[in-house]
N, C-alpha and C. Protein backbone atom coordinates (compact mmCIF):
# COMPACT_ATOMS: atom_id res chain seq x y z
N UNK A 1 16.43 23.21 -12.78
CA UNK A 1 16.22 22.04 -13.62
C UNK A 1 16.17 22.50 -15.07
N UNK A 2 16.92 21.85 -15.90
CA UNK A 2 16.99 22.21 -17.31
C UNK A 2 15.75 21.71 -18.04
N UNK A 3 15.21 22.57 -18.86
CA UNK A 3 14.03 22.21 -19.65
C UNK A 3 14.51 21.63 -20.98
N UNK A 4 14.05 20.43 -21.34
CA UNK A 4 14.50 19.84 -22.61
C UNK A 4 13.97 20.64 -23.79
N UNK A 5 14.78 20.72 -24.81
CA UNK A 5 14.37 21.42 -26.02
C UNK A 5 13.62 20.42 -26.91
N UNK A 6 12.37 20.70 -27.14
CA UNK A 6 11.54 19.81 -27.95
C UNK A 6 11.16 20.51 -29.24
N UNK A 7 11.03 19.72 -30.28
CA UNK A 7 10.56 20.27 -31.55
C UNK A 7 9.05 20.46 -31.43
N UNK A 8 8.49 21.18 -32.36
CA UNK A 8 7.04 21.39 -32.35
C UNK A 8 6.28 20.08 -32.45
N UNK A 9 6.82 19.16 -33.23
CA UNK A 9 6.18 17.85 -33.39
C UNK A 9 6.19 17.07 -32.07
N UNK A 10 7.32 17.13 -31.36
CA UNK A 10 7.43 16.44 -30.08
C UNK A 10 6.49 17.06 -29.05
N UNK A 11 6.39 18.38 -29.05
CA UNK A 11 5.47 19.06 -28.13
C UNK A 11 4.03 18.65 -28.42
N UNK A 12 3.70 18.60 -29.69
CA UNK A 12 2.35 18.22 -30.10
C UNK A 12 2.03 16.79 -29.66
N UNK A 13 2.98 15.88 -29.83
CA UNK A 13 2.77 14.48 -29.42
C UNK A 13 2.61 14.38 -27.90
N UNK A 14 3.41 15.13 -27.17
CA UNK A 14 3.33 15.11 -25.71
C UNK A 14 1.98 15.65 -25.24
N UNK A 15 1.49 16.70 -25.89
CA UNK A 15 0.19 17.26 -25.53
C UNK A 15 -0.94 16.27 -25.83
N UNK A 16 -0.85 15.58 -26.95
CA UNK A 16 -1.86 14.58 -27.31
C UNK A 16 -1.87 13.44 -26.29
N UNK A 17 -0.68 12.99 -25.91
CA UNK A 17 -0.58 11.90 -24.94
C UNK A 17 -1.15 12.33 -23.59
N UNK A 18 -0.82 13.53 -23.15
CA UNK A 18 -1.32 14.04 -21.87
C UNK A 18 -2.84 14.17 -21.91
N UNK A 19 -3.38 14.63 -23.01
CA UNK A 19 -4.83 14.76 -23.15
C UNK A 19 -5.50 13.39 -23.09
N UNK A 20 -4.90 12.41 -23.75
CA UNK A 20 -5.47 11.05 -23.75
C UNK A 20 -5.48 10.46 -22.34
N UNK A 21 -4.39 10.67 -21.60
CA UNK A 21 -4.31 10.15 -20.23
C UNK A 21 -5.36 10.83 -19.34
N UNK A 22 -5.49 12.15 -19.47
CA UNK A 22 -6.50 12.87 -18.68
C UNK A 22 -7.91 12.40 -19.01
N UNK A 23 -8.18 12.15 -20.28
CA UNK A 23 -9.50 11.66 -20.69
C UNK A 23 -9.79 10.28 -20.10
N UNK A 24 -8.80 9.40 -20.16
CA UNK A 24 -8.97 8.05 -19.61
C UNK A 24 -9.15 8.10 -18.10
N UNK A 25 -8.42 9.00 -17.44
CA UNK A 25 -8.54 9.15 -15.99
C UNK A 25 -9.94 9.66 -15.62
N UNK A 26 -10.48 10.54 -16.42
CA UNK A 26 -11.84 11.04 -16.19
C UNK A 26 -12.86 9.92 -16.37
N UNK A 27 -12.67 9.09 -17.38
CA UNK A 27 -13.58 7.94 -17.58
C UNK A 27 -13.52 6.99 -16.40
N UNK A 28 -12.30 6.74 -15.91
CA UNK A 28 -12.15 5.86 -14.75
C UNK A 28 -12.82 6.46 -13.53
N UNK A 29 -12.67 7.75 -13.36
CA UNK A 29 -13.30 8.44 -12.22
C UNK A 29 -14.83 8.33 -12.30
N UNK A 30 -15.38 8.48 -13.49
CA UNK A 30 -16.82 8.35 -13.67
C UNK A 30 -17.29 6.92 -13.38
N UNK A 31 -16.50 5.93 -13.78
CA UNK A 31 -16.84 4.54 -13.49
C UNK A 31 -16.82 4.27 -11.99
N UNK A 32 -15.86 4.87 -11.29
CA UNK A 32 -15.81 4.73 -9.83
C UNK A 32 -17.03 5.36 -9.18
N UNK A 33 -17.41 6.56 -9.64
CA UNK A 33 -18.58 7.24 -9.09
C UNK A 33 -19.84 6.43 -9.30
N UNK A 34 -19.95 5.77 -10.45
CA UNK A 34 -21.13 4.99 -10.78
C UNK A 34 -21.13 3.63 -10.09
N UNK A 35 -19.99 3.24 -9.51
CA UNK A 35 -19.90 1.94 -8.86
C UNK A 35 -19.63 0.80 -9.82
N UNK A 36 -19.28 1.13 -11.06
CA UNK A 36 -19.01 0.10 -12.07
C UNK A 36 -17.65 -0.55 -11.87
N UNK A 37 -16.75 0.15 -11.18
CA UNK A 37 -15.41 -0.35 -10.91
C UNK A 37 -15.12 -0.19 -9.42
N UNK A 38 -14.46 -1.18 -8.83
CA UNK A 38 -14.13 -1.09 -7.41
C UNK A 38 -12.70 -0.59 -7.23
N UNK A 39 -12.40 -0.14 -6.03
CA UNK A 39 -11.05 0.33 -5.71
C UNK A 39 -10.05 -0.82 -5.86
N UNK A 40 -10.45 -1.99 -5.44
CA UNK A 40 -9.59 -3.17 -5.54
C UNK A 40 -9.22 -3.43 -7.00
N UNK A 41 -10.18 -3.31 -7.89
CA UNK A 41 -9.93 -3.50 -9.32
C UNK A 41 -8.94 -2.46 -9.85
N UNK A 42 -9.12 -1.22 -9.44
CA UNK A 42 -8.23 -0.15 -9.88
C UNK A 42 -6.81 -0.39 -9.37
N UNK A 43 -6.68 -0.77 -8.10
CA UNK A 43 -5.36 -1.00 -7.53
C UNK A 43 -4.66 -2.20 -8.14
N UNK A 44 -5.41 -3.11 -8.72
CA UNK A 44 -4.80 -4.26 -9.40
C UNK A 44 -4.39 -3.96 -10.83
N UNK A 45 -4.65 -2.73 -11.29
CA UNK A 45 -4.27 -2.32 -12.65
C UNK A 45 -3.04 -1.42 -12.62
N UNK A 46 -2.08 -1.72 -11.77
CA UNK A 46 -0.92 -0.85 -11.61
C UNK A 46 0.01 -0.84 -12.83
N UNK A 47 -0.21 -1.74 -13.78
CA UNK A 47 0.58 -1.71 -15.01
C UNK A 47 0.07 -0.66 -15.99
N UNK A 48 -1.10 -0.09 -15.69
CA UNK A 48 -1.72 0.93 -16.54
C UNK A 48 -1.19 2.31 -16.16
N UNK A 49 -0.68 3.03 -17.13
CA UNK A 49 -0.12 4.37 -16.90
C UNK A 49 -1.16 5.33 -16.30
N UNK A 50 -2.40 5.17 -16.71
CA UNK A 50 -3.48 6.04 -16.22
C UNK A 50 -3.65 5.85 -14.72
N UNK A 51 -3.61 4.62 -14.26
CA UNK A 51 -3.80 4.32 -12.85
C UNK A 51 -2.58 4.71 -12.03
N UNK A 52 -1.40 4.38 -12.53
CA UNK A 52 -0.16 4.67 -11.78
C UNK A 52 -0.01 6.14 -11.45
N UNK A 53 -0.37 7.00 -12.37
CA UNK A 53 -0.16 8.43 -12.18
C UNK A 53 -1.26 9.13 -11.40
N UNK A 54 -2.33 8.42 -11.08
CA UNK A 54 -3.46 9.03 -10.38
C UNK A 54 -3.12 9.23 -8.91
N UNK A 55 -3.50 10.38 -8.37
CA UNK A 55 -3.29 10.63 -6.94
C UNK A 55 -4.32 9.84 -6.14
N UNK A 56 -3.89 9.38 -4.96
CA UNK A 56 -4.77 8.61 -4.08
C UNK A 56 -5.97 9.47 -3.69
N UNK A 57 -5.73 10.74 -3.39
CA UNK A 57 -6.82 11.64 -3.01
C UNK A 57 -7.86 11.74 -4.11
N UNK A 58 -7.42 11.85 -5.35
CA UNK A 58 -8.30 11.93 -6.51
C UNK A 58 -9.14 10.66 -6.65
N UNK A 59 -8.50 9.51 -6.40
CA UNK A 59 -9.20 8.23 -6.46
C UNK A 59 -10.29 8.17 -5.39
N UNK A 60 -9.94 8.54 -4.16
CA UNK A 60 -10.91 8.46 -3.06
C UNK A 60 -12.08 9.43 -3.26
N UNK A 61 -11.78 10.62 -3.73
CA UNK A 61 -12.84 11.61 -3.96
C UNK A 61 -13.77 11.19 -5.09
N UNK A 62 -13.35 10.23 -5.90
CA UNK A 62 -14.18 9.74 -7.00
C UNK A 62 -15.20 8.71 -6.54
N UNK A 63 -15.03 8.21 -5.33
CA UNK A 63 -15.94 7.19 -4.83
C UNK A 63 -17.26 7.79 -4.38
N UNK A 64 -18.35 7.03 -4.51
CA UNK A 64 -19.64 7.54 -4.04
C UNK A 64 -19.61 7.75 -2.53
N UNK A 65 -20.19 8.82 -2.09
CA UNK A 65 -20.33 9.18 -0.67
C UNK A 65 -19.00 9.45 0.03
N UNK A 66 -17.95 9.74 -0.75
CA UNK A 66 -16.66 10.11 -0.17
C UNK A 66 -16.30 11.49 -0.71
N UNK A 67 -16.28 12.46 0.17
CA UNK A 67 -15.92 13.82 -0.21
C UNK A 67 -14.49 14.12 0.15
N UNK A 68 -14.16 15.40 0.11
CA UNK A 68 -12.79 15.83 0.38
C UNK A 68 -12.38 15.53 1.82
N UNK A 69 -13.25 15.83 2.77
CA UNK A 69 -12.90 15.60 4.18
C UNK A 69 -12.75 14.12 4.48
N UNK A 70 -13.69 13.33 4.01
CA UNK A 70 -13.63 11.89 4.26
C UNK A 70 -12.39 11.28 3.63
N UNK A 71 -12.08 11.69 2.40
CA UNK A 71 -10.90 11.17 1.70
C UNK A 71 -9.63 11.50 2.48
N UNK A 72 -9.52 12.73 2.95
CA UNK A 72 -8.34 13.13 3.71
C UNK A 72 -8.25 12.38 5.04
N UNK A 73 -9.39 12.15 5.67
CA UNK A 73 -9.40 11.42 6.94
C UNK A 73 -8.95 9.97 6.73
N UNK A 74 -9.45 9.34 5.67
CA UNK A 74 -9.05 7.96 5.35
C UNK A 74 -7.54 7.90 5.14
N UNK A 75 -7.01 8.84 4.38
CA UNK A 75 -5.58 8.84 4.10
C UNK A 75 -4.76 9.08 5.36
N UNK A 76 -5.23 9.97 6.22
CA UNK A 76 -4.52 10.24 7.48
C UNK A 76 -4.54 9.01 8.39
N UNK A 77 -5.67 8.32 8.44
CA UNK A 77 -5.78 7.12 9.27
C UNK A 77 -4.80 6.03 8.83
N UNK A 78 -4.61 5.92 7.52
CA UNK A 78 -3.73 4.88 6.98
C UNK A 78 -2.27 5.35 6.99
N UNK A 79 -2.06 6.65 6.97
CA UNK A 79 -0.70 7.18 6.94
C UNK A 79 -0.20 7.45 5.53
N UNK A 80 -1.11 7.88 4.67
CA UNK A 80 -0.76 8.19 3.28
C UNK A 80 -0.72 9.70 3.12
N UNK A 81 0.35 10.22 2.58
CA UNK A 81 0.49 11.65 2.34
C UNK A 81 -0.50 12.09 1.26
N UNK A 82 -1.00 13.32 1.38
CA UNK A 82 -2.02 13.81 0.43
C UNK A 82 -1.51 13.91 -1.00
N UNK A 83 -0.23 14.06 -1.19
CA UNK A 83 0.30 14.20 -2.54
C UNK A 83 0.72 12.86 -3.16
N UNK A 84 0.51 11.78 -2.46
CA UNK A 84 0.95 10.45 -2.92
C UNK A 84 0.15 9.99 -4.13
N UNK A 85 0.86 9.41 -5.08
CA UNK A 85 0.22 8.81 -6.24
C UNK A 85 0.08 7.30 -6.01
N UNK A 86 -0.79 6.67 -6.77
CA UNK A 86 -1.04 5.24 -6.58
C UNK A 86 0.22 4.40 -6.75
N UNK A 87 1.08 4.78 -7.70
CA UNK A 87 2.30 4.01 -7.92
C UNK A 87 3.24 4.07 -6.72
N UNK A 88 3.08 5.07 -5.86
CA UNK A 88 3.95 5.23 -4.71
C UNK A 88 3.46 4.52 -3.45
N UNK A 89 2.32 3.86 -3.54
CA UNK A 89 1.79 3.15 -2.36
C UNK A 89 2.54 1.85 -2.13
N UNK A 90 2.79 1.56 -0.88
CA UNK A 90 3.37 0.27 -0.54
C UNK A 90 2.27 -0.78 -0.46
N UNK A 91 2.67 -2.03 -0.39
CA UNK A 91 1.68 -3.12 -0.36
C UNK A 91 0.81 -3.04 0.89
N UNK A 92 1.38 -2.65 2.02
CA UNK A 92 0.59 -2.52 3.25
C UNK A 92 -0.42 -1.39 3.14
N UNK A 93 0.01 -0.28 2.54
CA UNK A 93 -0.92 0.84 2.36
C UNK A 93 -2.05 0.47 1.42
N UNK A 94 -1.74 -0.25 0.35
CA UNK A 94 -2.78 -0.70 -0.59
C UNK A 94 -3.77 -1.62 0.13
N UNK A 95 -3.24 -2.57 0.89
CA UNK A 95 -4.10 -3.51 1.61
C UNK A 95 -4.97 -2.79 2.63
N UNK A 96 -4.39 -1.81 3.33
CA UNK A 96 -5.14 -1.05 4.34
C UNK A 96 -6.24 -0.21 3.66
N UNK A 97 -5.93 0.33 2.50
CA UNK A 97 -6.90 1.14 1.76
C UNK A 97 -8.08 0.28 1.31
N UNK A 98 -7.80 -0.89 0.77
CA UNK A 98 -8.86 -1.79 0.33
C UNK A 98 -9.71 -2.23 1.53
N UNK A 99 -9.04 -2.56 2.65
CA UNK A 99 -9.76 -3.00 3.84
C UNK A 99 -10.65 -1.89 4.38
N UNK A 100 -10.18 -0.66 4.35
CA UNK A 100 -10.94 0.48 4.87
C UNK A 100 -12.17 0.76 4.01
N UNK A 101 -12.07 0.50 2.72
CA UNK A 101 -13.14 0.86 1.81
C UNK A 101 -14.12 -0.28 1.51
N UNK A 102 -13.83 -1.48 1.99
CA UNK A 102 -14.74 -2.59 1.73
C UNK A 102 -15.42 -3.04 2.99
């Protein structure tokens, strides 16, 4: 795969954007842990770049009382691959995920 040639300014902008997305994702994860935001609310924000790029496993592990094993078991029960991102979920998978967690 060819690596695009970027100017220093373009690299700097890309790094700033990536940092901003990671920061927002961390804030969302903290809100999930605190119970301030529900999974259903997050899944309804699919127009948000922060949400679309988040891995399902990362989302589940952010929930209270859901650890790595529980998150993987939930995903296996529904049939979601561990590397799947939220934007890659089908409507049935989203519905099954919400039903499993509520």
